[in-house]
Amino acid sequence: MKKFLAVTAAAALIIAAAGCSQGGEEAQTTEQATAAAESDLAYIKDNGVMKIGYTIINPLNYTDDSGELVGFETEFATAVCEKLGVTPEFHEIDWDSKEMELNAGSIDCVWNGLTITPEREETMSISTPYLENRQVLVMKAENEAAYTESVDGLNVVAEAGSAGNDLVTSDEFFANATYTEVQSQATALIEVESGTADVAVIDYVMAASSTGEGTDFADLVFVDKGYDSEQYGVAFRQGSDVTAEVNAAITELVSDGTLAGIAEKYGLSDLLIAE
């Protein structure tokens, strides 16, 4: 009988301990959830990871011959994450769904040649600008003279949700063209290369690196019609406390020459504006 009572008591202690442990874990989870709700920075640092949304844009984010993700934005984001003490985790996204992904928590930021606009600043928290850009027209070299003057009756493509999309849908130069949204700027170039589109409207940053001799699109050229200058920034959730931390890290990377070194590596020194 004494043996039975001892076993029963031991079992009760184990159950009680388990209950306390589970309760402790639940309390800890609740505390973490509360911190995450109040602070993006706390959430990211608790996870030890910053989830970065991107699309393929050479020379910003792209895969090299070995299949490794490289590029100006890739290295820039990695350097900032090192300053924050977290690991970058890159997630390829549909650019047109970037805000939905951000607000759903699937990603923590959009770091991929995002043009700063008043409309985006109303719905997202955006870092200080760091790189200059503008929209250009890409076409086959044989059509450069004709298409620079007019795109009337032509098939024009641009990435859905992009600055190129905004330009095509608002500028009179494209009023008499047939316009189709595509998934990415890379897709836009492929469409022109294959002949299913006549003109692509994409970022100067990508066009300068991806077209012409020595590139995968050697028979394509870009035309700069002098559209308004744009500036890139990193986008976080509206009201996020991560933005200020990232801005501070950017300032450090500018001061120690790291950002200039990354820009030079990818041929973007002339477009760097971060100070």
C-alpha atoms as a PDB file:
ATOM      1  CA  MET A   1       0.000   0.000   0.000  1.00  0.00           C
ATOM      2  CA  LYS A   2       2.838   2.412   0.841  1.00  0.00           C
ATOM      3  CA  LYS A   3       4.475   1.581  -2.505  1.00  0.00           C
ATOM      4  CA  PHE A   4       1.221   2.404  -4.336  1.00  0.00           C
ATOM      5  CA  LEU A   5       0.876   5.719  -2.528  1.00  0.00           C
ATOM      6  CA  ALA A   6       4.465   6.642  -3.348  1.00  0.00           C
ATOM      7  CA  VAL A   7       3.945   5.927  -7.036  1.00  0.00           C
ATOM      8  CA  THR A   8       0.695   7.897  -7.031  1.00  0.00           C
ATOM      9  CA  ALA A   9       2.372  10.875  -5.381  1.00  0.00           C
ATOM     10  CA  ALA A  10       5.236  10.777  -7.855  1.00  0.00           C
ATOM     11  CA  ALA A  11       2.799  10.682 -10.748  1.00  0.00           C
ATOM     12  CA  ALA A  12       0.945  13.672  -9.354  1.00  0.00           C
ATOM     13  CA  LEU A  13       4.176  15.624  -9.092  1.00  0.00           C
ATOM     14  CA  ILE A  14       5.074  14.817 -12.703  1.00  0.00           C
ATOM     15  CA  ILE A  15       1.633  15.932 -13.908  1.00  0.00           C
ATOM     16  CA  ALA A  16       1.859  19.136 -11.881  1.00  0.00           C
ATOM     17  CA  ALA A  17       5.333  19.847 -13.217  1.00  0.00           C
ATOM     18  CA  ALA A  18       4.162  19.257 -16.752  1.00  0.00           C
ATOM     19  CA  GLY A  19       1.241  21.587 -16.170  1.00  0.00           C
ATOM     20  CA  CYS A  20       3.537  24.299 -14.864  1.00  0.00           C
ATOM     21  CA  SER A  21       5.887  23.804 -17.807  1.00  0.00           C
ATOM     22  CA  GLN A  22       3.042  24.004 -20.295  1.00  0.00           C
ATOM     23  CA  GLY A  23       1.627  27.025 -18.543  1.00  0.00           C
ATOM     24  CA  GLY A  24       5.059  28.661 -18.608  1.00  0.00           C
ATOM     25  CA  GLU A  25       5.436  27.986 -22.312  1.00  0.00           C
ATOM     26  CA  GLU A  26       1.969  29.370 -22.983  1.00  0.00           C
ATOM     27  CA  ALA A  27       2.767  32.473 -20.955  1.00  0.00           C
ATOM     28  CA  GLN A  28       6.033  32.924 -22.807  1.00  0.00           C
ATOM     29  CA  THR A  29       4.265  32.512 -26.154  1.00  0.00           C
ATOM     30  CA  THR A  30       1.655  35.053 -25.085  1.00  0.00           C
ATOM     31  CA  GLU A  31       4.363  37.503 -24.046  1.00  0.00           C
ATOM     32  CA  GLN A  32       6.146  37.081 -27.367  1.00  0.00           C
ATOM     33  CA  ALA A  33       2.891  37.564 -29.281  1.00  0.00           C
ATOM     34  CA  THR A  34       2.175  40.733 -27.293  1.00  0.00           C
ATOM     35  CA  ALA A  35       5.682  42.063 -27.975  1.00  0.00           C
ATOM     36  CA  ALA A  36       5.297  41.262 -31.670  1.00  0.00           C
ATOM     37  CA  ALA A  37       1.980  43.092 -31.806  1.00  0.00           C
ATOM     38  CA  GLU A  38       3.541  46.156 -30.209  1.00  0.00           C
ATOM     39  CA  SER A  39       6.934  46.079 -31.953  1.00  0.00           C
ATOM     40  CA  ASP A  40       8.049  44.811 -35.327  1.00  0.00           C
ATOM     41  CA  LEU A  41      11.627  45.159 -34.136  1.00  0.00           C
ATOM     42  CA  ALA A  42      11.024  42.922 -31.105  1.00  0.00           C
ATOM     43  CA  TYR A  43       9.271  40.369 -33.305  1.00  0.00           C
ATOM     44  CA  ILE A  44      12.158  40.251 -35.810  1.00  0.00           C
ATOM     45  CA  LYS A  45      14.832  40.102 -33.119  1.00  0.00           C
ATOM     46  CA  ASP A  46      12.953  37.388 -31.218  1.00  0.00           C
ATOM     47  CA  ASN A  47      12.841  35.340 -34.413  1.00  0.00           C
ATOM     48  CA  GLY A  48      16.454  36.180 -35.234  1.00  0.00           C
ATOM     49  CA  VAL A  49      15.398  36.558 -38.857  1.00  0.00           C
ATOM     50  CA  MET A  50      14.266  39.342 -41.177  1.00  0.00           C
ATOM     51  CA  LYS A  51      12.025  37.997 -43.949  1.00  0.00           C
ATOM     52  CA  ILE A  52      12.798  40.008 -47.076  1.00  0.00           C
ATOM     53  CA  GLY A  53      10.447  40.132 -50.058  1.00  0.00           C
ATOM     54  CA  TYR A  54      12.067  40.413 -53.483  1.00  0.00           C
ATOM     55  CA  THR A  55      11.660  39.699 -57.188  1.00  0.00           C
ATOM     56  CA  ILE A  56      14.359  38.906 -59.759  1.00  0.00           C
ATOM     57  CA  ILE A  57      15.864  42.182 -60.973  1.00  0.00           C
ATOM     58  CA  ASN A  58      19.432  42.253 -62.255  1.00  0.00           C
ATOM     59  CA  PRO A  59      21.605  43.746 -60.698  1.00  0.00           C
ATOM     60  CA  LEU A  60      19.524  44.090 -57.520  1.00  0.00           C
ATOM     61  CA  ASN A  61      18.491  40.514 -56.701  1.00  0.00           C
ATOM     62  CA  TYR A  62      19.305  37.643 -59.046  1.00  0.00           C
ATOM     63  CA  THR A  63      20.863  34.184 -59.079  1.00  0.00           C
ATOM     64  CA  ASP A  64      24.395  33.730 -60.352  1.00  0.00           C
ATOM     65  CA  ASP A  65      25.753  30.788 -62.365  1.00  0.00           C
ATOM     66  CA  SER A  66      26.077  28.707 -59.195  1.00  0.00           C
ATOM     67  CA  GLY A  67      22.446  29.328 -58.241  1.00  0.00           C
ATOM     68  CA  GLU A  68      23.286  31.677 -55.367  1.00  0.00           C
ATOM     69  CA  LEU A  69      21.154  34.773 -54.782  1.00  0.00           C
ATOM     70  CA  VAL A  70      23.360  37.827 -55.284  1.00  0.00           C
ATOM     71  CA  GLY A  71      23.001  41.496 -56.232  1.00  0.00           C
ATOM     72  CA  PHE A  72      23.186  44.993 -54.825  1.00  0.00           C
ATOM     73  CA  GLU A  73      20.007  44.698 -52.754  1.00  0.00           C
ATOM     74  CA  THR A  74      20.933  41.195 -51.592  1.00  0.00           C
ATOM     75  CA  GLU A  75      24.291  42.344 -50.220  1.00  0.00           C
ATOM     76  CA  PHE A  76      22.878  45.619 -48.920  1.00  0.00           C
ATOM     77  CA  ALA A  77      20.113  43.866 -46.983  1.00  0.00           C
ATOM     78  CA  THR A  78      22.575  41.309 -45.627  1.00  0.00           C
ATOM     79  CA  ALA A  79      24.875  44.087 -44.375  1.00  0.00           C
ATOM     80  CA  VAL A  80      21.979  45.859 -42.633  1.00  0.00           C
ATOM     81  CA  CYS A  81      20.785  42.615 -41.042  1.00  0.00           C
ATOM     82  CA  GLU A  82      24.280  42.066 -39.677  1.00  0.00           C
ATOM     83  CA  LYS A  83      24.066  45.485 -38.009  1.00  0.00           C
ATOM     84  CA  LEU A  84      20.702  44.498 -36.502  1.00  0.00           C
ATOM     85  CA  GLY A  85      22.017  41.135 -35.327  1.00  0.00           C
ATOM     86  CA  VAL A  86      19.570  39.062 -37.377  1.00  0.00           C
ATOM     87  CA  THR A  87      19.785  36.748 -40.379  1.00  0.00           C
ATOM     88  CA  PRO A  88      18.298  37.767 -43.757  1.00  0.00           C
ATOM     89  CA  GLU A  89      15.769  35.308 -45.170  1.00  0.00           C
ATOM     90  CA  PHE A  90      14.870  36.069 -48.784  1.00  0.00           C
ATOM     91  CA  HIS A  91      11.382  35.264 -50.095  1.00  0.00           C
ATOM     92  CA  GLU A  92      10.549  35.673 -53.787  1.00  0.00           C
ATOM     93  CA  ILE A  93       7.144  37.343 -54.078  1.00  0.00           C
ATOM     94  CA  ASP A  94       4.607  38.490 -56.653  1.00  0.00           C
ATOM     95  CA  TRP A  95       5.382  42.210 -56.872  1.00  0.00           C
ATOM     96  CA  ASP A  96       1.735  43.158 -57.304  1.00  0.00           C
ATOM     97  CA  SER A  97       0.956  41.460 -53.964  1.00  0.00           C
ATOM     98  CA  LYS A  98       3.812  43.034 -51.985  1.00  0.00           C
ATOM     99  CA  GLU A  99       1.638  45.060 -49.604  1.00  0.00           C
ATOM    100  CA  MET A 100      -0.660  42.119 -48.930  1.00  0.00           C
ATOM    101  CA  GLU A 101       2.360  39.910 -48.162  1.00  0.00           C
ATOM    102  CA  LEU A 102       3.783  42.599 -45.896  1.00  0.00           C
ATOM    103  CA  ASN A 103       0.586  43.186 -43.933  1.00  0.00           C
ATOM    104  CA  ALA A 104      -0.071  39.447 -43.607  1.00  0.00           C
ATOM    105  CA  GLY A 105       3.348  38.975 -41.994  1.00  0.00           C
ATOM    106  CA  SER A 106       4.585  36.629 -44.724  1.00  0.00           C
ATOM    107  CA  ILE A 107       7.495  39.043 -45.109  1.00  0.00           C
ATOM    108  CA  ASP A 108       8.896  41.764 -42.852  1.00  0.00           C
ATOM    109  CA  CYS A 109       9.938  44.157 -45.594  1.00  0.00           C
ATOM    110  CA  VAL A 110      10.097  44.764 -49.342  1.00  0.00           C
ATOM    111  CA  TRP A 111      13.727  45.294 -50.330  1.00  0.00           C
ATOM    112  CA  ASN A 112      13.861  45.180 -54.099  1.00  0.00           C
ATOM    113  CA  GLY A 113      14.081  48.452 -55.983  1.00  0.00           C
ATOM    114  CA  LEU A 114      10.876  49.838 -54.509  1.00  0.00           C
ATOM    115  CA  THR A 115      10.109  53.306 -55.860  1.00  0.00           C
ATOM    116  CA  ILE A 116       9.081  55.767 -53.165  1.00  0.00           C
ATOM    117  CA  THR A 117       5.748  57.438 -53.992  1.00  0.00           C
ATOM    118  CA  PRO A 118       3.296  59.489 -51.889  1.00  0.00           C
ATOM    119  CA  GLU A 119       0.720  56.715 -52.309  1.00  0.00           C
ATOM    120  CA  ARG A 120       3.073  54.070 -50.946  1.00  0.00           C
ATOM    121  CA  GLU A 121       4.114  56.304 -48.062  1.00  0.00           C
ATOM    122  CA  GLU A 122       0.457  56.407 -47.000  1.00  0.00           C
ATOM    123  CA  THR A 123       0.263  52.615 -46.652  1.00  0.00           C
ATOM    124  CA  MET A 124       3.837  51.594 -45.783  1.00  0.00           C
ATOM    125  CA  SER A 125       6.732  52.871 -43.688  1.00  0.00           C
ATOM    126  CA  ILE A 126       9.644  53.537 -46.061  1.00  0.00           C
ATOM    127  CA  SER A 127      13.325  54.041 -45.312  1.00  0.00           C
ATOM    128  CA  THR A 128      15.461  56.951 -46.374  1.00  0.00           C
ATOM    129  CA  PRO A 129      16.150  56.789 -50.142  1.00  0.00           C
ATOM    130  CA  TYR A 130      19.413  55.243 -51.231  1.00  0.00           C
ATOM    131  CA  LEU A 131      19.417  54.754 -55.017  1.00  0.00           C
ATOM    132  CA  GLU A 132      18.184  56.790 -57.979  1.00  0.00           C
ATOM    133  CA  ASN A 133      16.214  55.307 -60.875  1.00  0.00           C
ATOM    134  CA  ARG A 134      13.911  56.212 -63.776  1.00  0.00           C
ATOM    135  CA  GLN A 135      11.725  54.380 -66.269  1.00  0.00           C
ATOM    136  CA  VAL A 136      13.007  53.531 -69.752  1.00  0.00           C
ATOM    137  CA  LEU A 137      11.711  51.784 -72.869  1.00  0.00           C
ATOM    138  CA  VAL A 138      13.237  48.478 -73.975  1.00  0.00           C
ATOM    139  CA  MET A 139      12.876  47.199 -77.536  1.00  0.00           C
ATOM    140  CA  LYS A 140      14.750  45.266 -80.213  1.00  0.00           C
ATOM    141  CA  ALA A 141      17.643  47.254 -81.650  1.00  0.00           C
ATOM    142  CA  GLU A 142      16.154  47.117 -85.156  1.00  0.00           C
ATOM    143  CA  ASN A 143      13.070  48.991 -83.951  1.00  0.00           C
ATOM    144  CA  GLU A 144      14.781  51.680 -81.902  1.00  0.00           C
ATOM    145  CA  ALA A 145      14.297  54.592 -84.323  1.00  0.00           C
ATOM    146  CA  ALA A 146      10.617  53.946 -84.981  1.00  0.00           C
ATOM    147  CA  TYR A 147       9.498  52.997 -81.473  1.00  0.00           C
ATOM    148  CA  THR A 148      11.285  55.902 -79.808  1.00  0.00           C
ATOM    149  CA  GLU A 149       8.998  58.270 -81.689  1.00  0.00           C
ATOM    150  CA  SER A 150       5.721  56.411 -81.210  1.00  0.00           C
ATOM    151  CA  VAL A 151       4.295  53.243 -79.681  1.00  0.00           C
ATOM    152  CA  ASP A 152       0.853  53.688 -81.244  1.00  0.00           C
ATOM    153  CA  GLY A 153      -0.610  50.294 -82.156  1.00  0.00           C
ATOM    154  CA  LEU A 154       2.237  48.420 -80.451  1.00  0.00           C
ATOM    155  CA  ASN A 155       2.093  45.841 -77.672  1.00  0.00           C
ATOM    156  CA  VAL A 156       3.578  47.311 -74.479  1.00  0.00           C
ATOM    157  CA  VAL A 157       4.289  45.397 -71.261  1.00  0.00           C
ATOM    158  CA  ALA A 158       5.282  46.379 -67.719  1.00  0.00           C
ATOM    159  CA  GLU A 159       5.373  44.675 -64.351  1.00  0.00           C
ATOM    160  CA  ALA A 160       2.061  44.738 -62.472  1.00  0.00           C
ATOM    161  CA  GLY A 161       2.174  47.107 -59.500  1.00  0.00           C
ATOM    162  CA  SER A 162       5.413  48.745 -60.652  1.00  0.00           C
ATOM    163  CA  ALA A 163       6.462  52.310 -61.427  1.00  0.00           C
ATOM    164  CA  GLY A 164       6.524  51.205 -65.075  1.00  0.00           C
ATOM    165  CA  ASN A 165       2.871  50.221 -64.803  1.00  0.00           C
ATOM    166  CA  ASP A 166       2.057  53.629 -63.310  1.00  0.00           C
ATOM    167  CA  LEU A 167       3.823  55.388 -66.186  1.00  0.00           C
ATOM    168  CA  VAL A 168       2.158  53.394 -68.970  1.00  0.00           C
ATOM    169  CA  THR A 169      -1.309  53.885 -67.517  1.00  0.00           C
ATOM    170  CA  SER A 170      -0.896  57.641 -67.010  1.00  0.00           C
ATOM    171  CA  ASP A 171       1.319  59.000 -69.808  1.00  0.00           C
ATOM    172  CA  GLU A 172      -0.233  60.071 -73.118  1.00  0.00           C
ATOM    173  CA  PHE A 173       2.700  58.575 -75.038  1.00  0.00           C
ATOM    174  CA  PHE A 174       1.175  55.125 -74.415  1.00  0.00           C
ATOM    175  CA  ALA A 175      -2.484  56.082 -74.931  1.00  0.00           C
ATOM    176  CA  ASN A 176      -2.832  54.305 -78.286  1.00  0.00           C
ATOM    177  CA  ALA A 177      -0.776  51.217 -77.433  1.00  0.00           C
ATOM    178  CA  THR A 178      -2.113  47.849 -76.304  1.00  0.00           C
ATOM    179  CA  TYR A 179      -0.961  47.389 -72.742  1.00  0.00           C
ATOM    180  CA  THR A 180      -0.514  44.124 -70.825  1.00  0.00           C
ATOM    181  CA  GLU A 181       0.641  43.693 -67.231  1.00  0.00           C
ATOM    182  CA  VAL A 182       3.200  40.923 -66.641  1.00  0.00           C
ATOM    183  CA  GLN A 183       4.447  39.239 -63.482  1.00  0.00           C
ATOM    184  CA  SER A 184       7.940  40.734 -63.355  1.00  0.00           C
ATOM    185  CA  GLN A 185      10.411  42.989 -65.139  1.00  0.00           C
ATOM    186  CA  ALA A 186      12.346  39.875 -66.136  1.00  0.00           C
ATOM    187  CA  THR A 187       9.182  38.552 -67.791  1.00  0.00           C
ATOM    188  CA  ALA A 188       8.777  41.882 -69.609  1.00  0.00           C
ATOM    189  CA  LEU A 189      12.230  41.481 -71.178  1.00  0.00           C
ATOM    190  CA  ILE A 190      11.476  37.906 -72.214  1.00  0.00           C
ATOM    191  CA  GLU A 191       8.248  39.061 -73.867  1.00  0.00           C
ATOM    192  CA  VAL A 192      10.131  41.594 -76.007  1.00  0.00           C
ATOM    193  CA  GLU A 193      12.914  39.118 -76.787  1.00  0.00           C
ATOM    194  CA  SER A 194      10.397  36.506 -77.961  1.00  0.00           C
ATOM    195  CA  GLY A 195       8.389  38.998 -80.006  1.00  0.00           C
ATOM    196  CA  THR A 196       5.148  38.657 -78.039  1.00  0.00           C
ATOM    197  CA  ALA A 197       5.589  42.305 -76.987  1.00  0.00           C
ATOM    198  CA  ASP A 198       7.139  45.220 -78.828  1.00  0.00           C
ATOM    199  CA  VAL A 199       8.158  47.449 -75.929  1.00  0.00           C
ATOM    200  CA  ALA A 200       8.794  46.899 -72.218  1.00  0.00           C
ATOM    201  CA  VAL A 201       8.796  49.712 -69.675  1.00  0.00           C
ATOM    202  CA  ILE A 202      11.215  48.841 -66.871  1.00  0.00           C
ATOM    203  CA  ASP A 203      13.686  50.394 -64.434  1.00  0.00           C
ATOM    204  CA  TYR A 204      16.793  52.033 -65.857  1.00  0.00           C
ATOM    205  CA  VAL A 205      18.761  50.155 -63.191  1.00  0.00           C
ATOM    206  CA  MET A 206      17.728  46.826 -64.701  1.00  0.00           C
ATOM    207  CA  ALA A 207      17.800  47.868 -68.360  1.00  0.00           C
ATOM    208  CA  ALA A 208      21.385  49.148 -68.134  1.00  0.00           C
ATOM    209  CA  SER A 209      22.581  45.828 -66.692  1.00  0.00           C
ATOM    210  CA  SER A 210      20.414  43.391 -68.638  1.00  0.00           C
ATOM    211  CA  THR A 211      20.371  44.580 -72.255  1.00  0.00           C
ATOM    212  CA  GLY A 212      22.936  45.038 -74.989  1.00  0.00           C
ATOM    213  CA  GLU A 213      26.224  43.392 -75.827  1.00  0.00           C
ATOM    214  CA  GLY A 214      27.482  40.864 -73.301  1.00  0.00           C
ATOM    215  CA  THR A 215      24.080  40.270 -71.673  1.00  0.00           C
ATOM    216  CA  ASP A 216      21.377  37.634 -72.054  1.00  0.00           C
ATOM    217  CA  PHE A 217      19.406  40.152 -74.117  1.00  0.00           C
ATOM    218  CA  ALA A 218      22.125  41.234 -76.530  1.00  0.00           C
ATOM    219  CA  ASP A 219      19.693  42.240 -79.288  1.00  0.00           C
ATOM    220  CA  LEU A 220      17.664  44.529 -77.028  1.00  0.00           C
ATOM    221  CA  VAL A 221      18.341  48.210 -76.388  1.00  0.00           C
ATOM    222  CA  PHE A 222      16.828  50.714 -74.012  1.00  0.00           C
ATOM    223  CA  VAL A 223      15.706  54.249 -74.744  1.00  0.00           C
ATOM    224  CA  ASP A 224      15.804  56.910 -72.042  1.00  0.00           C
ATOM    225  CA  LYS A 225      13.084  59.449 -72.783  1.00  0.00           C
ATOM    226  CA  GLY A 226      13.877  61.547 -69.727  1.00  0.00           C
ATOM    227  CA  TYR A 227      11.051  60.464 -67.469  1.00  0.00           C
ATOM    228  CA  ASP A 228      11.051  61.772 -63.908  1.00  0.00           C
ATOM    229  CA  SER A 229      13.759  60.617 -61.552  1.00  0.00           C
ATOM    230  CA  GLU A 230      12.688  58.096 -58.908  1.00  0.00           C
ATOM    231  CA  GLN A 231      14.215  56.983 -55.625  1.00  0.00           C
ATOM    232  CA  TYR A 232      14.385  53.516 -54.093  1.00  0.00           C
ATOM    233  CA  GLY A 233      13.571  52.781 -50.449  1.00  0.00           C
ATOM    234  CA  VAL A 234      12.957  49.770 -48.193  1.00  0.00           C
ATOM    235  CA  ALA A 235       9.290  49.296 -47.227  1.00  0.00           C
ATOM    236  CA  PHE A 236       8.040  48.062 -43.849  1.00  0.00           C
ATOM    237  CA  ARG A 237       4.591  47.834 -42.328  1.00  0.00           C
ATOM    238  CA  GLN A 238       2.955  51.192 -41.632  1.00  0.00           C
ATOM    239  CA  GLY A 239       4.077  52.514 -38.243  1.00  0.00           C
ATOM    240  CA  SER A 240       6.877  49.942 -37.961  1.00  0.00           C
ATOM    241  CA  ASP A 241       9.676  50.676 -35.480  1.00  0.00           C
ATOM    242  CA  VAL A 242      12.116  48.749 -37.697  1.00  0.00           C
ATOM    243  CA  THR A 243      12.388  51.623 -40.173  1.00  0.00           C
ATOM    244  CA  ALA A 244      14.339  53.870 -37.803  1.00  0.00           C
ATOM    245  CA  GLU A 245      16.738  51.024 -36.946  1.00  0.00           C
ATOM    246  CA  VAL A 246      17.350  50.306 -40.619  1.00  0.00           C
ATOM    247  CA  ASN A 247      17.896  54.006 -41.336  1.00  0.00           C
ATOM    248  CA  ALA A 248      20.524  54.102 -38.587  1.00  0.00           C
ATOM    249  CA  ALA A 249      22.220  51.024 -40.046  1.00  0.00           C
ATOM    250  CA  ILE A 250      22.203  52.578 -43.528  1.00  0.00           C
ATOM    251  CA  THR A 251      23.888  55.689 -42.131  1.00  0.00           C
ATOM    252  CA  GLU A 252      26.628  53.511 -40.626  1.00  0.00           C
ATOM    253  CA  LEU A 253      27.123  51.625 -43.914  1.00  0.00           C
ATOM    254  CA  VAL A 254      27.437  54.920 -45.772  1.00  0.00           C
ATOM    255  CA  SER A 255      29.909  56.312 -43.233  1.00  0.00           C
ATOM    256  CA  ASP A 256      32.216  53.288 -43.301  1.00  0.00           C
ATOM    257  CA  GLY A 257      32.128  53.012 -47.120  1.00  0.00           C
ATOM    258  CA  THR A 258      30.413  49.614 -47.201  1.00  0.00           C
ATOM    259  CA  LEU A 259      27.429  50.773 -49.248  1.00  0.00           C
ATOM    260  CA  ALA A 260      29.635  52.578 -51.758  1.00  0.00           C
ATOM    261  CA  GLY A 261      31.677  49.410 -52.160  1.00  0.00           C
ATOM    262  CA  ILE A 262      28.569  47.314 -52.864  1.00  0.00           C
ATOM    263  CA  ALA A 263      27.293  49.891 -55.370  1.00  0.00           C
ATOM    264  CA  GLU A 264      30.643  49.925 -57.179  1.00  0.00           C
ATOM    265  CA  LYS A 265      30.654  46.125 -57.379  1.00  0.00           C
ATOM    266  CA  TYR A 266      27.362  46.168 -59.263  1.00  0.00           C
ATOM    267  CA  GLY A 267      28.009  49.243 -61.418  1.00  0.00           C
ATOM    268  CA  LEU A 268      25.613  51.507 -59.514  1.00  0.00           C
ATOM    269  CA  SER A 269      27.983  54.092 -58.045  1.00  0.00           C
ATOM    270  CA  ASP A 270      26.568  56.945 -60.143  1.00  0.00           C
ATOM    271  CA  LEU A 271      23.055  56.239 -58.852  1.00  0.00           C
ATOM    272  CA  LEU A 272      23.871  56.016 -55.144  1.00  0.00           C
ATOM    273  CA  ILE A 273      22.232  58.872 -53.230  1.00  0.00           C
ATOM    274  CA  ALA A 274      22.321  57.695 -49.597  1.00  0.00           C
ATOM    275  CA  GLU A 275      24.304  60.046 -47.376  1.00  0.00           C
END
